Amino acid sequence: MNADYEVIPHLERQPRIHTCFTSCINGDDPLVIGETRVNCVELPVEERDKIVCAYPEETCEQTSVPSEIGDSGISVEIALYAMLIVTPLQFVFEFICVWLARMKGKPSPSS
């Protein structure tokens, strides 16, 4: 987040503003996925200083992926893994609860 810009309270995010960057890159960055700009050294000198701007009304990124369910952002695979992990744990917990409920009414043998 940029401290120079206010946060929109009901959205809990900063407003979209125009952003400009160079039209070419200086070397490869392994942390950037999907980079399609050419290396600056491959361009003629007069084209290296060009900039590209993205304005707030332009959509320039994909905010969801095909494997997401609705607007929640949960993928089908993660939901299935969660169910496979939680179901046996829930069964054990319920078994223990029933077992303890049945023991409640029985006196202990030492009394």
PDB file of N, CA and C in Angstrom:
ATOM      1  N   MET A   1       0.838  -1.177   0.000  1.00  0.00           N
ATOM      2  CA  MET A   1       0.000   0.000   0.000  1.00  0.00           C
ATOM      3  C   MET A   1       0.886   1.244   0.000  1.00  0.00           C
ATOM      4  N   ASN A   2       0.388   2.273  -0.638  1.00  0.00           N
ATOM      5  CA  ASN A   2       1.106   3.526  -0.706  1.00  0.00           C
ATOM      6  C   ASN A   2       0.559   4.468   0.357  1.00  0.00           C
ATOM      7  N   ALA A   3       1.399   4.878   1.286  1.00  0.00           N
ATOM      8  CA  ALA A   3       0.959   5.730   2.396  1.00  0.00           C
ATOM      9  C   ALA A   3       0.536   7.120   1.928  1.00  0.00           C
ATOM     10  N   ASP A   4       0.891   7.508   0.708  1.00  0.00           N
ATOM     11  CA  ASP A   4       0.516   8.832   0.205  1.00  0.00           C
ATOM     12  C   ASP A   4      -0.931   8.901  -0.261  1.00  0.00           C
ATOM     13  N   TYR A   5      -1.603   7.775  -0.374  1.00  0.00           N
ATOM     14  CA  TYR A   5      -2.983   7.752  -0.854  1.00  0.00           C
ATOM     15  C   TYR A   5      -3.907   7.205   0.217  1.00  0.00           C
ATOM     16  N   GLU A   6      -5.086   7.767   0.277  1.00  0.00           N
ATOM     17  CA  GLU A   6      -6.071   7.362   1.278  1.00  0.00           C
ATOM     18  C   GLU A   6      -6.643   5.980   0.963  1.00  0.00           C
ATOM     19  N   VAL A   7      -7.208   5.352   1.979  1.00  0.00           N
ATOM     20  CA  VAL A   7      -7.870   4.061   1.825  1.00  0.00           C
ATOM     21  C   VAL A   7      -9.371   4.310   1.762  1.00  0.00           C
ATOM     22  N   ILE A   8     -10.051   3.671   0.824  1.00  0.00           N
ATOM     23  CA  ILE A   8     -11.506   3.802   0.723  1.00  0.00           C
ATOM     24  C   ILE A   8     -12.112   2.937   1.832  1.00  0.00           C
ATOM     25  N   PRO A   9     -12.813   3.554   2.806  1.00  0.00           N
ATOM     26  CA  PRO A   9     -13.263   2.816   3.995  1.00  0.00           C
ATOM     27  C   PRO A   9     -14.141   1.593   3.703  1.00  0.00           C
ATOM     28  N   HIS A  10     -15.170   1.730   2.873  1.00  0.00           N
ATOM     29  CA  HIS A  10     -16.090   0.610   2.663  1.00  0.00           C
ATOM     30  C   HIS A  10     -15.494  -0.496   1.785  1.00  0.00           C
ATOM     31  N   LEU A  11     -14.435  -0.204   1.046  1.00  0.00           N
ATOM     32  CA  LEU A  11     -13.774  -1.227   0.234  1.00  0.00           C
ATOM     33  C   LEU A  11     -12.505  -1.749   0.886  1.00  0.00           C
ATOM     34  N   GLU A  12     -11.999  -1.008   1.879  1.00  0.00           N
ATOM     35  CA  GLU A  12     -10.761  -1.354   2.568  1.00  0.00           C
ATOM     36  C   GLU A  12      -9.600  -1.542   1.597  1.00  0.00           C
ATOM     37  N   ARG A  13      -9.521  -0.659   0.627  1.00  0.00           N
ATOM     38  CA  ARG A  13      -8.426  -0.672  -0.326  1.00  0.00           C
ATOM     39  C   ARG A  13      -8.187   0.731  -0.835  1.00  0.00           C
ATOM     40  N   GLN A  14      -7.067   0.945  -1.474  1.00  0.00           N
ATOM     41  CA  GLN A  14      -6.760   2.249  -2.025  1.00  0.00           C
ATOM     42  C   GLN A  14      -7.395   2.393  -3.395  1.00  0.00           C
ATOM     43  N   PRO A  15      -7.676   3.632  -3.807  1.00  0.00           N
ATOM     44  CA  PRO A  15      -8.284   3.824  -5.123  1.00  0.00           C
ATOM     45  C   PRO A  15      -7.320   3.452  -6.237  1.00  0.00           C
ATOM     46  N   ARG A  16      -7.879   3.040  -7.363  1.00  0.00           N
ATOM     47  CA  ARG A  16      -7.047   2.744  -8.520  1.00  0.00           C
ATOM     48  C   ARG A  16      -6.641   4.054  -9.168  1.00  0.00           C
ATOM     49  N   ILE A  17      -5.384   4.225  -9.427  1.00  0.00           N
ATOM     50  CA  ILE A  17      -4.874   5.419 -10.085  1.00  0.00           C
ATOM     51  C   ILE A  17      -4.056   4.980 -11.288  1.00  0.00           C
ATOM     52  N   HIS A  18      -3.764   5.916 -12.180  1.00  0.00           N
ATOM     53  CA  HIS A  18      -2.980   5.499 -13.346  1.00  0.00           C
ATOM     54  C   HIS A  18      -1.548   5.196 -12.933  1.00  0.00           C
ATOM     55  N   THR A  19      -0.984   4.226 -13.625  1.00  0.00           N
ATOM     56  CA  THR A  19       0.362   3.755 -13.342  1.00  0.00           C
ATOM     57  C   THR A  19       1.139   3.707 -14.650  1.00  0.00           C
ATOM     58  N   CYS A  20       2.362   4.188 -14.624  1.00  0.00           N
ATOM     59  CA  CYS A  20       3.204   4.154 -15.816  1.00  0.00           C
ATOM     60  C   CYS A  20       4.486   3.389 -15.529  1.00  0.00           C
ATOM     61  N   PHE A  21       4.983   2.694 -16.534  1.00  0.00           N
ATOM     62  CA  PHE A  21       6.220   1.937 -16.409  1.00  0.00           C
ATOM     63  C   PHE A  21       6.882   1.864 -17.774  1.00  0.00           C
ATOM     64  N   THR A  22       8.118   1.443 -17.803  1.00  0.00           N
ATOM     65  CA  THR A  22       8.842   1.390 -19.069  1.00  0.00           C
ATOM     66  C   THR A  22       8.265   0.308 -19.972  1.00  0.00           C
ATOM     67  N   SER A  23       8.432   0.510 -21.265  1.00  0.00           N
ATOM     68  CA  SER A  23       7.877  -0.454 -22.224  1.00  0.00           C
ATOM     69  C   SER A  23       8.773  -1.667 -22.411  1.00  0.00           C
ATOM     70  N   CYS A  24       9.951  -1.652 -21.794  1.00  0.00           N
ATOM     71  CA  CYS A  24      10.853  -2.802 -21.890  1.00  0.00           C
ATOM     72  C   CYS A  24      11.401  -3.102 -20.496  1.00  0.00           C
ATOM     73  N   ILE A  25      12.022  -4.260 -20.353  1.00  0.00           N
ATOM     74  CA  ILE A  25      12.563  -4.651 -19.043  1.00  0.00           C
ATOM     75  C   ILE A  25      14.084  -4.740 -19.114  1.00  0.00           C
ATOM     76  N   ASN A  26      14.710  -4.578 -17.969  1.00  0.00           N
ATOM     77  CA  ASN A  26      16.168  -4.708 -17.861  1.00  0.00           C
ATOM     78  C   ASN A  26      16.488  -6.017 -17.168  1.00  0.00           C
ATOM     79  N   GLY A  27      16.549  -7.088 -17.923  1.00  0.00           N
ATOM     80  CA  GLY A  27      16.831  -8.402 -17.356  1.00  0.00           C
ATOM     81  C   GLY A  27      15.563  -9.114 -16.928  1.00  0.00           C
ATOM     82  N   ASP A  28      15.683 -10.396 -16.671  1.00  0.00           N
ATOM     83  CA  ASP A  28      14.546 -11.209 -16.266  1.00  0.00           C
ATOM     84  C   ASP A  28      14.415 -11.231 -14.756  1.00  0.00           C
ATOM     85  N   ASP A  29      13.183 -11.132 -14.274  1.00  0.00           N
ATOM     86  CA  ASP A  29      12.902 -11.208 -12.845  1.00  0.00           C
ATOM     87  C   ASP A  29      12.107 -12.484 -12.608  1.00  0.00           C
ATOM     88  N   PRO A  30      12.659 -13.463 -11.874  1.00  0.00           N
ATOM     89  CA  PRO A  30      11.952 -14.725 -11.671  1.00  0.00           C
ATOM     90  C   PRO A  30      10.667 -14.581 -10.851  1.00  0.00           C
ATOM     91  N   LEU A  31      10.504 -13.456 -10.148  1.00  0.00           N
ATOM     92  CA  LEU A  31       9.308 -13.253  -9.338  1.00  0.00           C
ATOM     93  C   LEU A  31       8.130 -12.713 -10.147  1.00  0.00           C
ATOM     94  N   VAL A  32       8.392 -12.264 -11.365  1.00  0.00           N
ATOM     95  CA  VAL A  32       7.329 -11.735 -12.213  1.00  0.00           C
ATOM     96  C   VAL A  32       6.859 -12.846 -13.143  1.00  0.00           C
ATOM     97  N   ILE A  33       5.566 -13.149 -13.069  1.00  0.00           N
ATOM     98  CA  ILE A  33       4.988 -14.215 -13.892  1.00  0.00           C
ATOM     99  C   ILE A  33       4.224 -13.583 -15.047  1.00  0.00           C
ATOM    100  N   GLY A  34       4.437 -14.073 -16.229  1.00  0.00           N
ATOM    101  CA  GLY A  34       3.688 -13.602 -17.389  1.00  0.00           C
ATOM    102  C   GLY A  34       4.236 -12.327 -18.001  1.00  0.00           C
ATOM    103  N   GLU A  35       5.468 -12.013 -17.783  1.00  0.00           N
ATOM    104  CA  GLU A  35       6.072 -10.801 -18.348  1.00  0.00           C
ATOM    105  C   GLU A  35       6.215 -10.971 -19.851  1.00  0.00           C
ATOM    106  N   THR A  36       5.647 -10.042 -20.607  1.00  0.00           N
ATOM    107  CA  THR A  36       5.694 -10.134 -22.070  1.00  0.00           C
ATOM    108  C   THR A  36       6.500  -9.011 -22.709  1.00  0.00           C
ATOM    109  N   ARG A  37       7.031  -8.100 -21.892  1.00  0.00           N
ATOM    110  CA  ARG A  37       7.830  -7.015 -22.457  1.00  0.00           C
ATOM    111  C   ARG A  37       9.193  -7.543 -22.903  1.00  0.00           C
ATOM    112  N   VAL A  38       9.752  -6.902 -23.927  1.00  0.00           N
ATOM    113  CA  VAL A  38      11.069  -7.314 -24.441  1.00  0.00           C
ATOM    114  C   VAL A  38      12.169  -6.692 -23.586  1.00  0.00           C
ATOM    115  N   ASN A  39      13.361  -7.262 -23.654  1.00  0.00           N
ATOM    116  CA  ASN A  39      14.511  -6.689 -22.963  1.00  0.00           C
ATOM    117  C   ASN A  39      14.918  -5.395 -23.648  1.00  0.00           C
ATOM    118  N   CYS A  40      15.316  -4.404 -22.847  1.00  0.00           N
ATOM    119  CA  CYS A  40      15.692  -3.095 -23.384  1.00  0.00           C
ATOM    120  C   CYS A  40      16.888  -3.180 -24.329  1.00  0.00           C
ATOM    121  N   VAL A  41      17.799  -4.098 -24.051  1.00  0.00           N
ATOM    122  CA  VAL A  41      18.994  -4.206 -24.902  1.00  0.00           C
ATOM    123  C   VAL A  41      18.660  -4.701 -26.308  1.00  0.00           C
ATOM    124  N   GLU A  42      17.485  -5.300 -26.496  1.00  0.00           N
ATOM    125  CA  GLU A  42      17.076  -5.797 -27.811  1.00  0.00           C
ATOM    126  C   GLU A  42      16.419  -4.711 -28.662  1.00  0.00           C
ATOM    127  N   LEU A  43      16.129  -3.559 -28.065  1.00  0.00           N
ATOM    128  CA  LEU A  43      15.464  -2.469 -28.785  1.00  0.00           C
ATOM    129  C   LEU A  43      16.475  -1.439 -29.262  1.00  0.00           C
ATOM    130  N   PRO A  44      16.132  -0.710 -30.329  1.00  0.00           N
ATOM    131  CA  PRO A  44      16.988   0.418 -30.729  1.00  0.00           C
ATOM    132  C   PRO A  44      17.008   1.466 -29.606  1.00  0.00           C
ATOM    133  N   VAL A  45      18.067   2.230 -29.522  1.00  0.00           N
ATOM    134  CA  VAL A  45      18.263   3.196 -28.442  1.00  0.00           C
ATOM    135  C   VAL A  45      17.092   4.172 -28.347  1.00  0.00           C
ATOM    136  N   GLU A  46      16.548   4.626 -29.460  1.00  0.00           N
ATOM    137  CA  GLU A  46      15.470   5.619 -29.429  1.00  0.00           C
ATOM    138  C   GLU A  46      14.137   5.045 -28.898  1.00  0.00           C
ATOM    139  N   GLU A  47      13.994   3.733 -28.834  1.00  0.00           N
ATOM    140  CA  GLU A  47      12.754   3.126 -28.344  1.00  0.00           C
ATOM    141  C   GLU A  47      12.835   2.665 -26.885  1.00  0.00           C
ATOM    142  N   ARG A  48      13.989   2.782 -26.272  1.00  0.00           N
ATOM    143  CA  ARG A  48      14.170   2.280 -24.905  1.00  0.00           C
ATOM    144  C   ARG A  48      13.509   3.155 -23.849  1.00  0.00           C
ATOM    145  N   ASP A  49      13.284   4.409 -24.122  1.00  0.00           N
ATOM    146  CA  ASP A  49      12.738   5.322 -23.122  1.00  0.00           C
ATOM    147  C   ASP A  49      11.220   5.477 -23.204  1.00  0.00           C
ATOM    148  N   LYS A  50      10.560   4.694 -24.004  1.00  0.00           N
ATOM    149  CA  LYS A  50       9.094   4.790 -24.101  1.00  0.00           C
ATOM    150  C   LYS A  50       8.465   4.254 -22.821  1.00  0.00           C
ATOM    151  N   ILE A  51       7.294   4.811 -22.475  1.00  0.00           N
ATOM    152  CA  ILE A  51       6.576   4.333 -21.292  1.00  0.00           C
ATOM    153  C   ILE A  51       5.196   3.824 -21.691  1.00  0.00           C
ATOM    154  N   VAL A  52       4.648   2.978 -20.854  1.00  0.00           N
ATOM    155  CA  VAL A  52       3.307   2.445 -21.026  1.00  0.00           C
ATOM    156  C   VAL A  52       2.515   2.827 -19.774  1.00  0.00           C
ATOM    157  N   CYS A  53       1.312   3.348 -19.960  1.00  0.00           N
ATOM    158  CA  CYS A  53       0.498   3.745 -18.813  1.00  0.00           C
ATOM    159  C   CYS A  53      -0.797   2.932 -18.782  1.00  0.00           C
ATOM    160  N   ALA A  54      -1.200   2.547 -17.604  1.00  0.00           N
ATOM    161  CA  ALA A  54      -2.479   1.855 -17.390  1.00  0.00           C
ATOM    162  C   ALA A  54      -3.356   2.802 -16.575  1.00  0.00           C
ATOM    163  N   TYR A  55      -4.487   3.185 -17.120  1.00  0.00           N
ATOM    164  CA  TYR A  55      -5.375   4.127 -16.457  1.00  0.00           C
ATOM    165  C   TYR A  55      -6.436   3.379 -15.656  1.00  0.00           C
ATOM    166  N   PRO A  56      -7.036   4.006 -14.644  1.00  0.00           N
ATOM    167  CA  PRO A  56      -7.986   3.320 -13.756  1.00  0.00           C
ATOM    168  C   PRO A  56      -9.167   2.673 -14.474  1.00  0.00           C
ATOM    169  N   GLU A  57      -9.630   3.275 -15.544  1.00  0.00           N
ATOM    170  CA  GLU A  57     -10.796   2.707 -16.238  1.00  0.00           C
ATOM    171  C   GLU A  57     -10.439   1.523 -17.134  1.00  0.00           C
ATOM    172  N   GLU A  58      -9.163   1.269 -17.349  1.00  0.00           N
ATOM    173  CA  GLU A  58      -8.733   0.143 -18.172  1.00  0.00           C
ATOM    174  C   GLU A  58      -8.546  -1.097 -17.316  1.00  0.00           C
ATOM    175  N   THR A  59      -9.023  -2.219 -17.794  1.00  0.00           N
ATOM    176  CA  THR A  59      -8.796  -3.485 -17.104  1.00  0.00           C
ATOM    177  C   THR A  59      -7.523  -4.092 -17.674  1.00  0.00           C
ATOM    178  N   CYS A  60      -6.529  -4.296 -16.818  1.00  0.00           N
ATOM    179  CA  CYS A  60      -5.249  -4.775 -17.335  1.00  0.00           C
ATOM    180  C   CYS A  60      -4.796  -6.065 -16.673  1.00  0.00           C
ATOM    181  N   GLU A  61      -5.620  -6.631 -15.810  1.00  0.00           N
ATOM    182  CA  GLU A  61      -5.218  -7.863 -15.155  1.00  0.00           C
ATOM    183  C   GLU A  61      -6.424  -8.780 -14.958  1.00  0.00           C
ATOM    184  N   GLN A  62      -6.150 -10.059 -14.859  1.00  0.00           N
ATOM    185  CA  GLN A  62      -7.191 -11.036 -14.582  1.00  0.00           C
ATOM    186  C   GLN A  62      -7.229 -11.230 -13.072  1.00  0.00           C
ATOM    187  N   THR A  63      -8.387 -10.986 -12.477  1.00  0.00           N
ATOM    188  CA  THR A  63      -8.470 -11.047 -11.013  1.00  0.00           C
ATOM    189  C   THR A  63      -8.987 -12.384 -10.504  1.00  0.00           C
ATOM    190  N   SER A  64      -9.286 -13.319 -11.379  1.00  0.00           N
ATOM    191  CA  SER A  64      -9.702 -14.649 -10.951  1.00  0.00           C
ATOM    192  C   SER A  64      -9.151 -15.664 -11.944  1.00  0.00           C
ATOM    193  N   VAL A  65      -9.142 -16.902 -11.512  1.00  0.00           N
ATOM    194  CA  VAL A  65      -8.667 -17.978 -12.379  1.00  0.00           C
ATOM    195  C   VAL A  65      -9.799 -18.966 -12.604  1.00  0.00           C
ATOM    196  N   PRO A  66      -9.749 -19.766 -13.669  1.00  0.00           N
ATOM    197  CA  PRO A  66     -10.852 -20.669 -13.996  1.00  0.00           C
ATOM    198  C   PRO A  66     -11.192 -21.692 -12.915  1.00  0.00           C
ATOM    199  N   SER A  67     -10.240 -22.064 -12.046  1.00  0.00           N
ATOM    200  CA  SER A  67     -10.528 -23.100 -11.054  1.00  0.00           C
ATOM    201  C   SER A  67     -11.228 -22.562  -9.808  1.00  0.00           C
ATOM    202  N   GLU A  68     -11.506 -21.257  -9.751  1.00  0.00           N
ATOM    203  CA  GLU A  68     -12.171 -20.692  -8.587  1.00  0.00           C
ATOM    204  C   GLU A  68     -13.676 -20.924  -8.667  1.00  0.00           C
ATOM    205  N   ILE A  69     -14.295 -21.018  -7.484  1.00  0.00           N
ATOM    206  CA  ILE A  69     -15.744 -21.185  -7.410  1.00  0.00           C
ATOM    207  C   ILE A  69     -16.348 -19.830  -7.058  1.00  0.00           C
ATOM    208  N   GLY A  70     -17.131 -19.259  -7.945  1.00  0.00           N
ATOM    209  CA  GLY A  70     -17.811 -18.004  -7.656  1.00  0.00           C
ATOM    210  C   GLY A  70     -16.853 -16.881  -7.302  1.00  0.00           C
ATOM    211  N   ASP A  71     -17.299 -16.004  -6.399  1.00  0.00           N
ATOM    212  CA  ASP A  71     -16.496 -14.856  -5.998  1.00  0.00           C
ATOM    213  C   ASP A  71     -15.636 -15.144  -4.779  1.00  0.00           C
ATOM    214  N   SER A  72     -15.780 -16.329  -4.192  1.00  0.00           N
ATOM    215  CA  SER A  72     -15.072 -16.618  -2.947  1.00  0.00           C
ATOM    216  C   SER A  72     -13.589 -16.887  -3.161  1.00  0.00           C
ATOM    217  N   GLY A  73     -13.198 -17.318  -4.341  1.00  0.00           N
ATOM    218  CA  GLY A  73     -11.801 -17.586  -4.607  1.00  0.00           C
ATOM    219  C   GLY A  73     -11.333 -18.940  -4.109  1.00  0.00           C
ATOM    220  N   ILE A  74     -12.247 -19.848  -3.775  1.00  0.00           N
ATOM    221  CA  ILE A  74     -11.876 -21.180  -3.295  1.00  0.00           C
ATOM    222  C   ILE A  74     -11.845 -22.122  -4.490  1.00  0.00           C
ATOM    223  N   SER A  75     -10.758 -22.833  -4.668  1.00  0.00           N
ATOM    224  CA  SER A  75     -10.686 -23.769  -5.779  1.00  0.00           C
ATOM    225  C   SER A  75     -11.337 -25.095  -5.378  1.00  0.00           C
ATOM    226  N   VAL A  76     -11.774 -25.837  -6.348  1.00  0.00           N
ATOM    227  CA  VAL A  76     -12.441 -27.116  -6.114  1.00  0.00           C
ATOM    228  C   VAL A  76     -11.503 -28.094  -5.425  1.00  0.00           C
ATOM    229  N   GLU A  77     -10.247 -28.113  -5.836  1.00  0.00           N
ATOM    230  CA  GLU A  77      -9.286 -29.044  -5.250  1.00  0.00           C
ATOM    231  C   GLU A  77      -9.077 -28.779  -3.763  1.00  0.00           C
ATOM    232  N   ILE A  78      -8.957 -27.530  -3.380  1.00  0.00           N
ATOM    233  CA  ILE A  78      -8.756 -27.196  -1.969  1.00  0.00           C
ATOM    234  C   ILE A  78      -9.988 -27.577  -1.153  1.00  0.00           C
ATOM    235  N   ALA A  79     -11.173 -27.353  -1.692  1.00  0.00           N
ATOM    236  CA  ALA A  79     -12.400 -27.716  -0.974  1.00  0.00           C
ATOM    237  C   ALA A  79     -12.478 -29.231  -0.765  1.00  0.00           C
ATOM    238  N   LEU A  80     -12.122 -30.015  -1.776  1.00  0.00           N
ATOM    239  CA  LEU A  80     -12.157 -31.473  -1.633  1.00  0.00           C
ATOM    240  C   LEU A  80     -11.117 -31.965  -0.625  1.00  0.00           C
ATOM    241  N   TYR A  81      -9.918 -31.412  -0.673  1.00  0.00           N
ATOM    242  CA  TYR A  81      -8.896 -31.789   0.311  1.00  0.00           C
ATOM    243  C   TYR A  81      -9.345 -31.453   1.722  1.00  0.00           C
ATOM    244  N   ALA A  82      -9.960 -30.298   1.896  1.00  0.00           N
ATOM    245  CA  ALA A  82     -10.441 -29.904   3.223  1.00  0.00           C
ATOM    246  C   ALA A  82     -11.497 -30.874   3.725  1.00  0.00           C
ATOM    247  N   MET A  83     -12.413 -31.288   2.857  1.00  0.00           N
ATOM    248  CA  MET A  83     -13.448 -32.245   3.270  1.00  0.00           C
ATOM    249  C   MET A  83     -12.834 -33.593   3.628  1.00  0.00           C
ATOM    250  N   LEU A  84     -11.849 -34.048   2.857  1.00  0.00           N
ATOM    251  CA  LEU A  84     -11.213 -35.334   3.143  1.00  0.00           C
ATOM    252  C   LEU A  84     -10.458 -35.318   4.471  1.00  0.00           C
ATOM    253  N   ILE A  85      -9.895 -34.183   4.827  1.00  0.00           N
ATOM    254  CA  ILE A  85      -9.157 -34.088   6.086  1.00  0.00           C
ATOM    255  C   ILE A  85     -10.102 -33.918   7.271  1.00  0.00           C
ATOM    256  N   VAL A  86     -11.131 -33.114   7.130  1.00  0.00           N
ATOM    257  CA  VAL A  86     -12.003 -32.768   8.254  1.00  0.00           C
ATOM    258  C   VAL A  86     -13.008 -33.873   8.592  1.00  0.00           C
ATOM    259  N   THR A  87     -13.484 -34.621   7.609  1.00  0.00           N
ATOM    260  CA  THR A  87     -14.521 -35.625   7.864  1.00  0.00           C
ATOM    261  C   THR A  87     -14.075 -36.691   8.871  1.00  0.00           C
ATOM    262  N   PRO A  88     -12.909 -37.302   8.734  1.00  0.00           N
ATOM    263  CA  PRO A  88     -12.493 -38.275   9.760  1.00  0.00           C
ATOM    264  C   PRO A  88     -12.309 -37.632  11.138  1.00  0.00           C
ATOM    265  N   LEU A  89     -11.797 -36.420  11.180  1.00  0.00           N
ATOM    266  CA  LEU A  89     -11.633 -35.740  12.462  1.00  0.00           C
ATOM    267  C   LEU A  89     -12.980 -35.478  13.130  1.00  0.00           C
ATOM    268  N   GLN A  90     -13.961 -35.100  12.346  1.00  0.00           N
ATOM    269  CA  GLN A  90     -15.295 -34.868  12.894  1.00  0.00           C
ATOM    270  C   GLN A  90     -15.898 -36.183  13.412  1.00  0.00           C
ATOM    271  N   PHE A  91     -15.692 -37.284  12.697  1.00  0.00           N
ATOM    272  CA  PHE A  91     -16.201 -38.576  13.141  1.00  0.00           C
ATOM    273  C   PHE A  91     -15.601 -38.959  14.490  1.00  0.00           C
ATOM    274  N   VAL A  92     -14.292 -38.793  14.641  1.00  0.00           N
ATOM    275  CA  VAL A  92     -13.627 -39.119  15.904  1.00  0.00           C
ATOM    276  C   VAL A  92     -14.161 -38.233  17.028  1.00  0.00           C
ATOM    277  N   PHE A  93     -14.303 -36.950  16.771  1.00  0.00           N
ATOM    278  CA  PHE A  93     -14.820 -36.037  17.790  1.00  0.00           C
ATOM    279  C   PHE A  93     -16.235 -36.436  18.225  1.00  0.00           C
ATOM    280  N   GLU A  94     -17.109 -36.749  17.272  1.00  0.00           N
ATOM    281  CA  GLU A  94     -18.478 -37.136  17.616  1.00  0.00           C
ATOM    282  C   GLU A  94     -18.505 -38.471  18.363  1.00  0.00           C
ATOM    283  N   PHE A  95     -17.629 -39.408  17.980  1.00  0.00           N
ATOM    284  CA  PHE A  95     -17.553 -40.689  18.683  1.00  0.00           C
ATOM    285  C   PHE A  95     -17.175 -40.470  20.148  1.00  0.00           C
ATOM    286  N   ILE A  96     -16.190 -39.610  20.385  1.00  0.00           N
ATOM    287  CA  ILE A  96     -15.764 -39.313  21.751  1.00  0.00           C
ATOM    288  C   ILE A  96     -16.890 -38.641  22.535  1.00  0.00           C
ATOM    289  N   CYS A  97     -17.619 -37.730  21.901  1.00  0.00           N
ATOM    290  CA  CYS A  97     -18.734 -37.054  22.584  1.00  0.00           C
ATOM    291  C   CYS A  97     -19.821 -38.053  22.992  1.00  0.00           C
ATOM    292  N   VAL A  98     -20.176 -38.970  22.109  1.00  0.00           N
ATOM    293  CA  VAL A  98     -21.191 -39.983  22.431  1.00  0.00           C
ATOM    294  C   VAL A  98     -20.678 -40.903  23.534  1.00  0.00           C
ATOM    295  N   TRP A  99     -19.434 -41.318  23.450  1.00  0.00           N
ATOM    296  CA  TRP A  99     -18.844 -42.195  24.457  1.00  0.00           C
ATOM    297  C   TRP A  99     -18.834 -41.521  25.834  1.00  0.00           C
ATOM    298  N   LEU A 100     -18.464 -40.247  25.893  1.00  0.00           N
ATOM    299  CA  LEU A 100     -18.468 -39.520  27.161  1.00  0.00           C
ATOM    300  C   LEU A 100     -19.877 -39.307  27.694  1.00  0.00           C
ATOM    301  N   ALA A 101     -20.854 -39.101  26.823  1.00  0.00           N
ATOM    302  CA  ALA A 101     -22.242 -38.918  27.254  1.00  0.00           C
ATOM    303  C   ALA A 101     -22.780 -40.210  27.870  1.00  0.00           C
ATOM    304  N   ARG A 102     -22.410 -41.358  27.322  1.00  0.00           N
ATOM    305  CA  ARG A 102     -22.857 -42.637  27.880  1.00  0.00           C
ATOM    306  C   ARG A 102     -22.179 -42.926  29.219  1.00  0.00           C
ATOM    307  N   MET A 103     -20.937 -42.513  29.388  1.00  0.00           N
ATOM    308  CA  MET A 103     -20.224 -42.744  30.644  1.00  0.00           C
ATOM    309  C   MET A 103     -20.726 -41.860  31.766  1.00  0.00           C
ATOM    310  N   LYS A 104     -21.364 -40.754  31.448  1.00  0.00           N
ATOM    311  CA  LYS A 104     -21.785 -39.790  32.445  1.00  0.00           C
ATOM    312  C   LYS A 104     -22.735 -40.406  33.476  1.00  0.00           C
ATOM    313  N   GLY A 105     -23.642 -41.269  33.036  1.00  0.00           N
ATOM    314  CA  GLY A 105     -24.642 -41.836  33.921  1.00  0.00           C
ATOM    315  C   GLY A 105     -24.153 -43.026  34.733  1.00  0.00           C
ATOM    316  N   LYS A 106     -23.002 -43.619  34.397  1.00  0.00           N
ATOM    317  CA  LYS A 106     -22.514 -44.815  35.092  1.00  0.00           C
ATOM    318  C   LYS A 106     -21.640 -44.412  36.283  1.00  0.00           C
ATOM    319  N   PRO A 107     -21.834 -45.041  37.444  1.00  0.00           N
ATOM    320  CA  PRO A 107     -20.954 -44.738  38.588  1.00  0.00           C
ATOM    321  C   PRO A 107     -19.587 -45.372  38.379  1.00  0.00           C
ATOM    322  N   SER A 108     -18.572 -44.794  38.973  1.00  0.00           N
ATOM    323  CA  SER A 108     -17.232 -45.356  38.855  1.00  0.00           C
ATOM    324  C   SER A 108     -17.107 -46.574  39.758  1.00  0.00           C
ATOM    325  N   PRO A 109     -16.308 -47.580  39.385  1.00  0.00           N
ATOM    326  CA  PRO A 109     -16.200 -48.807  40.168  1.00  0.00           C
ATOM    327  C   PRO A 109     -15.541 -48.608  41.530  1.00  0.00           C
ATOM    328  N   SER A 110     -14.806 -47.550  41.762  1.00  0.00           N
ATOM    329  CA  SER A 110     -14.108 -47.336  43.019  1.00  0.00           C
ATOM    330  C   SER A 110     -15.029 -46.785  44.124  1.00  0.00           C
ATOM    331  N   SER A 111     -16.269 -46.348  43.808  1.00  0.00           N
ATOM    332  CA  SER A 111     -17.154 -45.769  44.832  1.00  0.00           C
ATOM    333  C   SER A 111     -17.921 -46.817  45.579  1.00  0.00           C
TER     334      SER A 111
END
